[in-house]
Structure formats: structure tokens, C-alpha cells
């Protein structure tokens, strides 16, 4: 029963984005795209948000598509953690 509760908790509030920076140890910057409808004019507007996430094993790199979840604050700006890497970026060689 605990595994089901953990799974539900992990999926609550998850977001999918692209890693834009991997220069810091155990910290990544992820950009998440979203759209919303303007309340008055009805036009859909595209915006981006950047999150600092905790990556314990340094398993993601720039360009990877990742899934992140909220967690306890690790620092002043870092309160999200890496769940998994959905798609790896092609190596630029």
C-alpha cells in the first residue's frame, strides 16, 4: 500500500521540461513551456518558466527532456527534484 501512495505522491504536480544548464554539481536548470488563455481576449499565450532542480546522481545533461516533481527546499531557489530522464539529447560531436 505504501508503494501506491508514493507513486501517487510522485505524480502529483509533476512537470516536463528541457535541461538548459548542467554547469553546477547536483543542480540543473530546467525550462518548462506552458500555455494559458488570456482572460479578456481569449488568445493563447506561450510562456516559459525556469526551475532549479536537484539531480543527486548528475544523470541529466543539457538538452535532455526530463520529468521533475516538487519536493522540500534544498536551497533558497531549489525546491524541485529530478524524477527521470524521458529522452536523452543527441551528442554533439
PDB file of N, CA and C in Angstrom:
ATOM      1  N   UNK A   1       0.820  -1.189   0.000  1.00  0.00           N
ATOM      2  CA  UNK A   1       0.000   0.000   0.000  1.00  0.00           C
ATOM      3  C   UNK A   1       0.866   1.255   0.000  1.00  0.00           C
ATOM      4  N   UNK A   2       2.023   1.207   0.644  1.00  0.00           N
ATOM      5  CA  UNK A   2       2.901   2.368   0.681  1.00  0.00           C
ATOM      6  C   UNK A   2       3.476   2.699  -0.686  1.00  0.00           C
ATOM      7  N   UNK A   3       3.727   1.686  -1.513  1.00  0.00           N
ATOM      8  CA  UNK A   3       4.282   1.956  -2.835  1.00  0.00           C
ATOM      9  C   UNK A   3       3.281   2.702  -3.704  1.00  0.00           C
ATOM     10  N   UNK A   4       1.995   2.391  -3.576  1.00  0.00           N
ATOM     11  CA  UNK A   4       0.976   3.099  -4.338  1.00  0.00           C
ATOM     12  C   UNK A   4       0.883   4.548  -3.897  1.00  0.00           C
ATOM     13  N   UNK A   5       0.938   4.795  -2.598  1.00  0.00           N
ATOM     14  CA  UNK A   5       0.885   6.161  -2.090  1.00  0.00           C
ATOM     15  C   UNK A   5       2.101   6.954  -2.552  1.00  0.00           C
ATOM     16  N   UNK A   6       3.266   6.331  -2.564  1.00  0.00           N
ATOM     17  CA  UNK A   6       4.476   7.003  -3.024  1.00  0.00           C
ATOM     18  C   UNK A   6       4.361   7.342  -4.503  1.00  0.00           C
ATOM     19  N   UNK A   7       3.835   6.422  -5.295  1.00  0.00           N
ATOM     20  CA  UNK A   7       3.687   6.660  -6.722  1.00  0.00           C
ATOM     21  C   UNK A   7       2.731   7.809  -6.980  1.00  0.00           C
ATOM     22  N   UNK A   8       1.598   7.836  -6.284  1.00  0.00           N
ATOM     23  CA  UNK A   8       0.646   8.931  -6.455  1.00  0.00           C
ATOM     24  C   UNK A   8       1.273  10.252  -6.051  1.00  0.00           C
ATOM     25  N   UNK A   9       2.036  10.234  -4.972  1.00  0.00           N
ATOM     26  CA  UNK A   9       2.664  11.461  -4.488  1.00  0.00           C
ATOM     27  C   UNK A   9       3.692  11.977  -5.493  1.00  0.00           C
ATOM     28  N   UNK A  10       4.450  11.073  -6.094  1.00  0.00           N
ATOM     29  CA  UNK A  10       5.449  11.477  -7.076  1.00  0.00           C
ATOM     30  C   UNK A  10       4.802  12.089  -8.310  1.00  0.00           C
ATOM     31  N   UNK A  11       3.644  11.593  -8.712  1.00  0.00           N
ATOM     32  CA  UNK A  11       2.996  12.083  -9.920  1.00  0.00           C
ATOM     33  C   UNK A  11       2.235  13.381  -9.700  1.00  0.00           C
ATOM     34  N   UNK A  12       1.980  13.760  -8.462  1.00  0.00           N
ATOM     35  CA  UNK A  12       1.238  14.976  -8.183  1.00  0.00           C
ATOM     36  C   UNK A  12       2.115  16.188  -8.447  1.00  0.00           C
ATOM     37  N   UNK A  13       1.678  17.048  -9.352  1.00  0.00           N
ATOM     38  CA  UNK A  13       2.397  18.286  -9.615  1.00  0.00           C
ATOM     39  C   UNK A  13       3.652  18.128 -10.440  1.00  0.00           C
ATOM     40  N   UNK A  14       3.789  17.030 -11.166  1.00  0.00           N
ATOM     41  CA  UNK A  14       4.989  16.845 -11.978  1.00  0.00           C
ATOM     42  C   UNK A  14       4.923  17.715 -13.220  1.00  0.00           C
ATOM     43  N   UNK A  15       6.097  18.055 -13.743  1.00  0.00           N
ATOM     44  CA  UNK A  15       6.208  18.860 -14.955  1.00  0.00           C
ATOM     45  C   UNK A  15       7.268  18.235 -15.850  1.00  0.00           C
ATOM     46  N   UNK A  16       7.167  18.512 -17.147  1.00  0.00           N
ATOM     47  CA  UNK A  16       8.131  18.016 -18.122  1.00  0.00           C
ATOM     48  C   UNK A  16       8.804  19.214 -18.767  1.00  0.00           C
ATOM     49  N   UNK A  17      10.134  19.177 -18.833  1.00  0.00           N
ATOM     50  CA  UNK A  17      10.874  20.285 -19.415  1.00  0.00           C
ATOM     51  C   UNK A  17      12.200  19.824 -19.997  1.00  0.00           C
ATOM     52  N   UNK A  18      12.983  20.807 -20.454  1.00  0.00           N
ATOM     53  CA  UNK A  18      14.269  20.541 -21.089  1.00  0.00           C
ATOM     54  C   UNK A  18      15.376  21.149 -20.236  1.00  0.00           C
ATOM     55  N   UNK A  19      16.444  20.393 -20.011  1.00  0.00           N
ATOM     56  CA  UNK A  19      17.583  20.881 -19.235  1.00  0.00           C
ATOM     57  C   UNK A  19      18.321  21.923 -20.071  1.00  0.00           C
ATOM     58  N   UNK A  20      18.484  23.134 -19.521  1.00  0.00           N
ATOM     59  CA  UNK A  20      19.180  24.201 -20.234  1.00  0.00           C
ATOM     60  C   UNK A  20      20.574  24.450 -19.685  1.00  0.00           C
ATOM     61  N   UNK A  21      20.862  24.007 -18.464  1.00  0.00           N
ATOM     62  CA  UNK A  21      22.188  24.200 -17.884  1.00  0.00           C
ATOM     63  C   UNK A  21      22.513  23.054 -16.938  1.00  0.00           C
ATOM     64  N   UNK A  22      23.737  22.531 -17.074  1.00  0.00           N
ATOM     65  CA  UNK A  22      24.202  21.473 -16.164  1.00  0.00           C
ATOM     66  C   UNK A  22      25.592  21.802 -15.627  1.00  0.00           C
ATOM     67  N   UNK A  23      25.864  23.066 -15.422  1.00  0.00           N
ATOM     68  CA  UNK A  23      27.199  23.509 -15.016  1.00  0.00           C
ATOM     69  C   UNK A  23      27.473  23.307 -13.531  1.00  0.00           C
ATOM     70  N   UNK A  24      26.436  23.194 -12.722  1.00  0.00           N
ATOM     71  CA  UNK A  24      26.634  23.053 -11.275  1.00  0.00           C
ATOM     72  C   UNK A  24      26.504  21.599 -10.846  1.00  0.00           C
ATOM     73  N   UNK A  25      27.183  21.257  -9.767  1.00  0.00           N
ATOM     74  CA  UNK A  25      27.145  19.895  -9.249  1.00  0.00           C
ATOM     75  C   UNK A  25      25.806  19.631  -8.563  1.00  0.00           C
ATOM     76  N   UNK A  26      25.120  18.570  -8.994  1.00  0.00           N
ATOM     77  CA  UNK A  26      23.829  18.127  -8.443  1.00  0.00           C
ATOM     78  C   UNK A  26      22.703  19.138  -8.633  1.00  0.00           C
ATOM     79  N   UNK A  27      22.882  20.127  -9.489  1.00  0.00           N
ATOM     80  CA  UNK A  27      21.840  21.117  -9.761  1.00  0.00           C
ATOM     81  C   UNK A  27      21.722  21.304 -11.266  1.00  0.00           C
ATOM     82  N   UNK A  28      20.502  21.333 -11.749  1.00  0.00           N
ATOM     83  CA  UNK A  28      20.227  21.565 -13.164  1.00  0.00           C
ATOM     84  C   UNK A  28      19.211  22.693 -13.285  1.00  0.00           C
ATOM     85  N   UNK A  29      19.243  23.395 -14.412  1.00  0.00           N
ATOM     86  CA  UNK A  29      18.223  24.380 -14.730  1.00  0.00           C
ATOM     87  C   UNK A  29      17.342  23.773 -15.810  1.00  0.00           C
ATOM     88  N   UNK A  30      16.040  23.723 -15.545  1.00  0.00           N
ATOM     89  CA  UNK A  30      15.091  23.117 -16.471  1.00  0.00           C
ATOM     90  C   UNK A  30      14.097  24.178 -16.907  1.00  0.00           C
ATOM     91  N   UNK A  31      13.858  24.263 -18.221  1.00  0.00           N
ATOM     92  CA  UNK A  31      12.886  25.210 -18.760  1.00  0.00           C
ATOM     93  C   UNK A  31      11.612  24.447 -19.120  1.00  0.00           C
ATOM     94  N   UNK A  32      10.489  24.900 -18.561  1.00  0.00           N
ATOM     95  CA  UNK A  32       9.192  24.265 -18.783  1.00  0.00           C
ATOM     96  C   UNK A  32       8.323  25.231 -19.580  1.00  0.00           C
ATOM     97  N   UNK A  33       7.812  24.771 -20.722  1.00  0.00           N
ATOM     98  CA  UNK A  33       6.920  25.581 -21.551  1.00  0.00           C
ATOM     99  C   UNK A  33       5.478  25.320 -21.144  1.00  0.00           C
ATOM    100  N   UNK A  34       4.675  26.372 -21.153  1.00  0.00           N
ATOM    101  CA  UNK A  34       3.251  26.220 -20.870  1.00  0.00           C
ATOM    102  C   UNK A  34       2.470  27.272 -21.643  1.00  0.00           C
ATOM    103  N   UNK A  35       1.174  27.048 -21.793  1.00  0.00           N
ATOM    104  CA  UNK A  35       0.289  27.989 -22.474  1.00  0.00           C
ATOM    105  C   UNK A  35      -0.881  28.309 -21.574  1.00  0.00           C
ATOM    106  N   UNK A  36      -1.378  29.527 -21.705  1.00  0.00           N
ATOM    107  CA  UNK A  36      -2.595  29.891 -20.994  1.00  0.00           C
ATOM    108  C   UNK A  36      -3.418  30.801 -21.888  1.00  0.00           C
ATOM    109  N   UNK A  37      -4.676  30.862 -21.594  1.00  0.00           N
ATOM    110  CA  UNK A  37      -5.595  31.676 -22.379  1.00  0.00           C
ATOM    111  C   UNK A  37      -5.751  33.033 -21.714  1.00  0.00           C
ATOM    112  N   UNK A  38      -5.630  34.106 -22.500  1.00  0.00           N
ATOM    113  CA  UNK A  38      -5.775  35.452 -21.961  1.00  0.00           C
ATOM    114  C   UNK A  38      -7.208  35.625 -21.465  1.00  0.00           C
ATOM    115  N   UNK A  39      -7.386  36.147 -20.241  1.00  0.00           N
ATOM    116  CA  UNK A  39      -8.731  36.218 -19.672  1.00  0.00           C
ATOM    117  C   UNK A  39      -9.693  37.119 -20.443  1.00  0.00           C
ATOM    118  N   UNK A  40      -9.192  38.175 -21.046  1.00  0.00           N
ATOM    119  CA  UNK A  40     -10.084  39.108 -21.741  1.00  0.00           C
ATOM    120  C   UNK A  40     -10.193  38.805 -23.233  1.00  0.00           C
ATOM    121  N   UNK A  41      -9.057  38.588 -23.895  1.00  0.00           N
ATOM    122  CA  UNK A  41      -9.050  38.469 -25.348  1.00  0.00           C
ATOM    123  C   UNK A  41      -9.113  37.037 -25.858  1.00  0.00           C
ATOM    124  N   UNK A  42      -8.866  36.067 -25.011  1.00  0.00           N
ATOM    125  CA  UNK A  42      -9.012  34.674 -25.402  1.00  0.00           C
ATOM    126  C   UNK A  42      -7.853  34.098 -26.192  1.00  0.00           C
ATOM    127  N   UNK A  43      -6.839  34.894 -26.487  1.00  0.00           N
ATOM    128  CA  UNK A  43      -5.690  34.406 -27.244  1.00  0.00           C
ATOM    129  C   UNK A  43      -4.824  33.519 -26.345  1.00  0.00           C
ATOM    130  N   UNK A  44      -4.300  32.438 -26.922  1.00  0.00           N
ATOM    131  CA  UNK A  44      -3.394  31.572 -26.176  1.00  0.00           C
ATOM    132  C   UNK A  44      -1.995  32.172 -26.203  1.00  0.00           C
ATOM    133  N   UNK A  45      -1.386  32.270 -25.045  1.00  0.00           N
ATOM    134  CA  UNK A  45      -0.077  32.882 -24.898  1.00  0.00           C
ATOM    135  C   UNK A  45       0.897  31.821 -24.402  1.00  0.00           C
ATOM    136  N   UNK A  46       2.052  31.736 -25.061  1.00  0.00           N
ATOM    137  CA  UNK A  46       3.084  30.770 -24.676  1.00  0.00           C
ATOM    138  C   UNK A  46       4.089  31.447 -23.758  1.00  0.00           C
ATOM    139  N   UNK A  47       4.441  30.774 -22.685  1.00  0.00           N
ATOM    140  CA  UNK A  47       5.414  31.290 -21.722  1.00  0.00           C
ATOM    141  C   UNK A  47       6.346  30.151 -21.309  1.00  0.00           C
ATOM    142  N   UNK A  48       7.464  30.531 -20.706  1.00  0.00           N
ATOM    143  CA  UNK A  48       8.409  29.559 -20.186  1.00  0.00           C
ATOM    144  C   UNK A  48       8.728  29.898 -18.735  1.00  0.00           C
ATOM    145  N   UNK A  49       8.934  28.866 -17.939  1.00  0.00           N
ATOM    146  CA  UNK A  49       9.395  29.023 -16.561  1.00  0.00           C
ATOM    147  C   UNK A  49      10.676  28.221 -16.399  1.00  0.00           C
ATOM    148  N   UNK A  50      11.597  28.741 -15.609  1.00  0.00           N
ATOM    149  CA  UNK A  50      12.843  28.028 -15.334  1.00  0.00           C
ATOM    150  C   UNK A  50      12.861  27.593 -13.878  1.00  0.00           C
ATOM    151  N   UNK A  51      13.199  26.337 -13.670  1.00  0.00           N
ATOM    152  CA  UNK A  51      13.276  25.777 -12.331  1.00  0.00           C
ATOM    153  C   UNK A  51      14.694  25.272 -12.089  1.00  0.00           C
ATOM    154  N   UNK A  52      15.194  25.466 -10.873  1.00  0.00           N
ATOM    155  CA  UNK A  52      16.432  24.840 -10.435  1.00  0.00           C
ATOM    156  C   UNK A  52      16.027  23.531  -9.780  1.00  0.00           C
ATOM    157  N   UNK A  53      16.598  22.430 -10.250  1.00  0.00           N
ATOM    158  CA  UNK A  53      16.207  21.120  -9.740  1.00  0.00           C
ATOM    159  C   UNK A  53      17.405  20.404  -9.135  1.00  0.00           C
ATOM    160  N   UNK A  54      17.121  19.455  -8.252  1.00  0.00           N
ATOM    161  CA  UNK A  54      18.149  18.644  -7.603  1.00  0.00           C
ATOM    162  C   UNK A  54      18.313  17.346  -8.380  1.00  0.00           C
ATOM    163  N   UNK A  55      19.541  17.068  -8.815  1.00  0.00           N
ATOM    164  CA  UNK A  55      19.872  15.848  -9.548  1.00  0.00           C
ATOM    165  C   UNK A  55      20.998  15.149  -8.788  1.00  0.00           C
ATOM    166  N   UNK A  56      20.644  14.241  -7.907  1.00  0.00           N
ATOM    167  CA  UNK A  56      21.603  13.621  -6.981  1.00  0.00           C
ATOM    168  C   UNK A  56      22.737  12.891  -7.695  1.00  0.00           C
ATOM    169  N   UNK A  57      22.439  12.153  -8.759  1.00  0.00           N
ATOM    170  CA  UNK A  57      23.464  11.368  -9.449  1.00  0.00           C
ATOM    171  C   UNK A  57      24.077  12.094 -10.648  1.00  0.00           C
ATOM    172  N   UNK A  58      23.722  13.332 -10.887  1.00  0.00           N
ATOM    173  CA  UNK A  58      24.188  14.075 -12.067  1.00  0.00           C
ATOM    174  C   UNK A  58      23.907  13.276 -13.343  1.00  0.00           C
ATOM    175  N   UNK A  59      22.705  12.704 -13.444  1.00  0.00           N
ATOM    176  CA  UNK A  59      22.370  11.813 -14.550  1.00  0.00           C
ATOM    177  C   UNK A  59      21.846  12.534 -15.783  1.00  0.00           C
ATOM    178  N   UNK A  60      21.492  13.800 -15.679  1.00  0.00           N
ATOM    179  CA  UNK A  60      20.976  14.532 -16.833  1.00  0.00           C
ATOM    180  C   UNK A  60      22.037  15.481 -17.365  1.00  0.00           C
ATOM    181  N   UNK A  61      21.865  15.838 -18.644  1.00  0.00           N
ATOM    182  CA  UNK A  61      22.784  16.787 -19.254  1.00  0.00           C
ATOM    183  C   UNK A  61      21.985  17.770 -20.107  1.00  0.00           C
ATOM    184  N   UNK A  62      22.638  18.799 -20.593  1.00  0.00           N
ATOM    185  CA  UNK A  62      21.971  19.839 -21.369  1.00  0.00           C
ATOM    186  C   UNK A  62      21.283  19.238 -22.588  1.00  0.00           C
ATOM    187  N   UNK A  63      20.022  19.616 -22.799  1.00  0.00           N
ATOM    188  CA  UNK A  63      19.248  19.133 -23.932  1.00  0.00           C
ATOM    189  C   UNK A  63      18.354  17.955 -23.621  1.00  0.00           C
ATOM    190  N   UNK A  64      18.522  17.315 -22.471  1.00  0.00           N
ATOM    191  CA  UNK A  64      17.680  16.176 -22.095  1.00  0.00           C
ATOM    192  C   UNK A  64      16.272  16.641 -21.758  1.00  0.00           C
ATOM    193  N   UNK A  65      15.289  15.805 -22.114  1.00  0.00           N
ATOM    194  CA  UNK A  65      13.902  16.047 -21.718  1.00  0.00           C
ATOM    195  C   UNK A  65      13.682  15.268 -20.426  1.00  0.00           C
ATOM    196  N   UNK A  66      13.264  15.977 -19.359  1.00  0.00           N
ATOM    197  CA  UNK A  66      13.180  15.366 -18.033  1.00  0.00           C
ATOM    198  C   UNK A  66      11.818  15.617 -17.398  1.00  0.00           C
ATOM    199  N   UNK A  67      11.493  14.769 -16.427  1.00  0.00           N
ATOM    200  CA  UNK A  67      10.289  14.943 -15.615  1.00  0.00           C
ATOM    201  C   UNK A  67      10.734  15.342 -14.215  1.00  0.00           C
ATOM    202  N   UNK A  68      10.126  16.416 -13.679  1.00  0.00           N
ATOM    203  CA  UNK A  68      10.506  16.920 -12.362  1.00  0.00           C
ATOM    204  C   UNK A  68       9.292  16.937 -11.448  1.00  0.00           C
ATOM    205  N   UNK A  69       9.554  16.922 -10.145  1.00  0.00           N
ATOM    206  CA  UNK A  69       8.481  16.920  -9.152  1.00  0.00           C
ATOM    207  C   UNK A  69       8.852  17.866  -8.019  1.00  0.00           C
ATOM    208  N   UNK A  70       7.858  18.478  -7.381  1.00  0.00           N
ATOM    209  CA  UNK A  70       8.158  19.348  -6.238  1.00  0.00           C
ATOM    210  C   UNK A  70       8.640  18.525  -5.043  1.00  0.00           C
ATOM    211  N   UNK A  71       9.439  19.146  -4.192  1.00  0.00           N
ATOM    212  CA  UNK A  71       9.969  18.471  -3.010  1.00  0.00           C
ATOM    213  C   UNK A  71      10.263  19.515  -1.941  1.00  0.00           C
ATOM    214  N   UNK A  72      10.869  19.076  -0.862  1.00  0.00           N
ATOM    215  CA  UNK A  72      11.248  20.017   0.187  1.00  0.00           C
ATOM    216  C   UNK A  72      12.320  20.956  -0.362  1.00  0.00           C
ATOM    217  N   UNK A  73      12.473  22.156   0.182  1.00  0.00           N
ATOM    218  CA  UNK A  73      13.509  23.067  -0.308  1.00  0.00           C
ATOM    219  C   UNK A  73      14.920  22.547   0.000  1.00  0.00           C
ATOM    220  N   UNK A  74      15.740  22.444  -1.030  1.00  0.00           N
ATOM    221  CA  UNK A  74      17.147  22.086  -0.862  1.00  0.00           C
ATOM    222  C   UNK A  74      17.994  23.328  -0.636  1.00  0.00           C
ATOM    223  N   UNK A  75      17.540  24.459  -1.166  1.00  0.00           N
ATOM    224  CA  UNK A  75      18.253  25.723  -1.003  1.00  0.00           C
ATOM    225  C   UNK A  75      17.250  26.856  -1.219  1.00  0.00           C
ATOM    226  N   UNK A  76      17.750  28.074  -1.328  1.00  0.00           N
ATOM    227  CA  UNK A  76      16.875  29.236  -1.486  1.00  0.00           C
ATOM    228  C   UNK A  76      16.038  29.150  -2.766  1.00  0.00           C
ATOM    229  N   UNK A  77      16.620  28.665  -3.850  1.00  0.00           N
ATOM    230  CA  UNK A  77      15.917  28.638  -5.135  1.00  0.00           C
ATOM    231  C   UNK A  77      15.603  27.234  -5.633  1.00  0.00           C
ATOM    232  N   UNK A  78      16.022  26.203  -4.919  1.00  0.00           N
ATOM    233  CA  UNK A  78      15.887  24.831  -5.417  1.00  0.00           C
ATOM    234  C   UNK A  78      14.908  24.036  -4.566  1.00  0.00           C
ATOM    235  N   UNK A  79      13.699  23.813  -5.114  1.00  0.00           N
ATOM    236  CA  UNK A  79      12.697  23.016  -4.404  1.00  0.00           C
ATOM    237  C   UNK A  79      11.995  22.035  -5.351  1.00  0.00           C
ATOM    238  N   UNK A  80      12.701  21.608  -6.385  1.00  0.00           N
ATOM    239  CA  UNK A  80      12.218  20.591  -7.316  1.00  0.00           C
ATOM    240  C   UNK A  80      13.294  19.527  -7.434  1.00  0.00           C
ATOM    241  N   UNK A  81      12.881  18.294  -7.774  1.00  0.00           N
ATOM    242  CA  UNK A  81      13.850  17.214  -7.925  1.00  0.00           C
ATOM    243  C   UNK A  81      13.590  16.463  -9.227  1.00  0.00           C
ATOM    244  N   UNK A  82      14.621  15.824  -9.710  1.00  0.00           N
ATOM    245  CA  UNK A  82      14.540  15.053 -10.943  1.00  0.00           C
ATOM    246  C   UNK A  82      13.878  13.708 -10.662  1.00  0.00           C
ATOM    247  N   UNK A  83      12.828  13.389 -11.415  1.00  0.00           N
ATOM    248  CA  UNK A  83      12.211  12.067 -11.314  1.00  0.00           C
ATOM    249  C   UNK A  83      12.878  11.098 -12.279  1.00  0.00           C
ATOM    250  N   UNK A  84      12.952  11.487 -13.556  1.00  0.00           N
ATOM    251  CA  UNK A  84      13.569  10.615 -14.550  1.00  0.00           C
ATOM    252  C   UNK A  84      13.898  11.402 -15.812  1.00  0.00           C
ATOM    253  N   UNK A  85      14.807  10.861 -16.579  1.00  0.00           N
ATOM    254  CA  UNK A  85      15.149  11.418 -17.885  1.00  0.00           C
ATOM    255  C   UNK A  85      14.260  10.722 -18.903  1.00  0.00           C
ATOM    256  N   UNK A  86      13.431  11.494 -19.593  1.00  0.00           N
ATOM    257  CA  UNK A  86      12.499  10.919 -20.560  1.00  0.00           C
ATOM    258  C   UNK A  86      13.168  10.660 -21.906  1.00  0.00           C
ATOM    259  N   UNK A  87      14.006  11.613 -22.341  1.00  0.00           N
ATOM    260  CA  UNK A  87      14.665  11.487 -23.639  1.00  0.00           C
ATOM    261  C   UNK A  87      16.031  12.144 -23.546  1.00  0.00           C
ATOM    262  N   UNK A  88      17.069  11.412 -23.907  1.00  0.00           N
ATOM    263  CA  UNK A  88      18.418  11.960 -23.861  1.00  0.00           C
ATOM    264  C   UNK A  88      18.680  12.805 -25.096  1.00  0.00           C
ATOM    265  N   UNK A  89      19.489  13.834 -24.924  1.00  0.00           N
ATOM    266  CA  UNK A  89      19.858  14.700 -26.039  1.00  0.00           C
ATOM    267  C   UNK A  89      20.893  13.988 -26.901  1.00  0.00           C
ATOM    268  N   UNK A  90      20.830  14.200 -28.219  1.00  0.00           N
ATOM    269  CA  UNK A  90      21.872  13.606 -29.066  1.00  0.00           C
ATOM    270  C   UNK A  90      23.214  14.266 -28.773  1.00  0.00           C
ATOM    271  N   UNK A  91      24.281  13.472 -28.781  1.00  0.00           N
ATOM    272  CA  UNK A  91      25.617  14.008 -28.516  1.00  0.00           C
ATOM    273  C   UNK A  91      26.072  14.851 -29.696  1.00  0.00           C
ATOM    274  N   UNK A  92      26.534  16.063 -29.411  1.00  0.00           N
ATOM    275  CA  UNK A  92      27.023  16.964 -30.455  1.00  0.00           C
ATOM    276  C   UNK A  92      28.529  16.768 -30.602  1.00  0.00           C
ATOM    277  N   UNK A  93      28.921  15.924 -31.551  1.00  0.00           N
ATOM    278  CA  UNK A  93      30.350  15.671 -31.776  1.00  0.00           C
ATOM    279  C   UNK A  93      30.699  15.895 -33.211  1.00  0.00           C
TER     280      UNK A  93
END
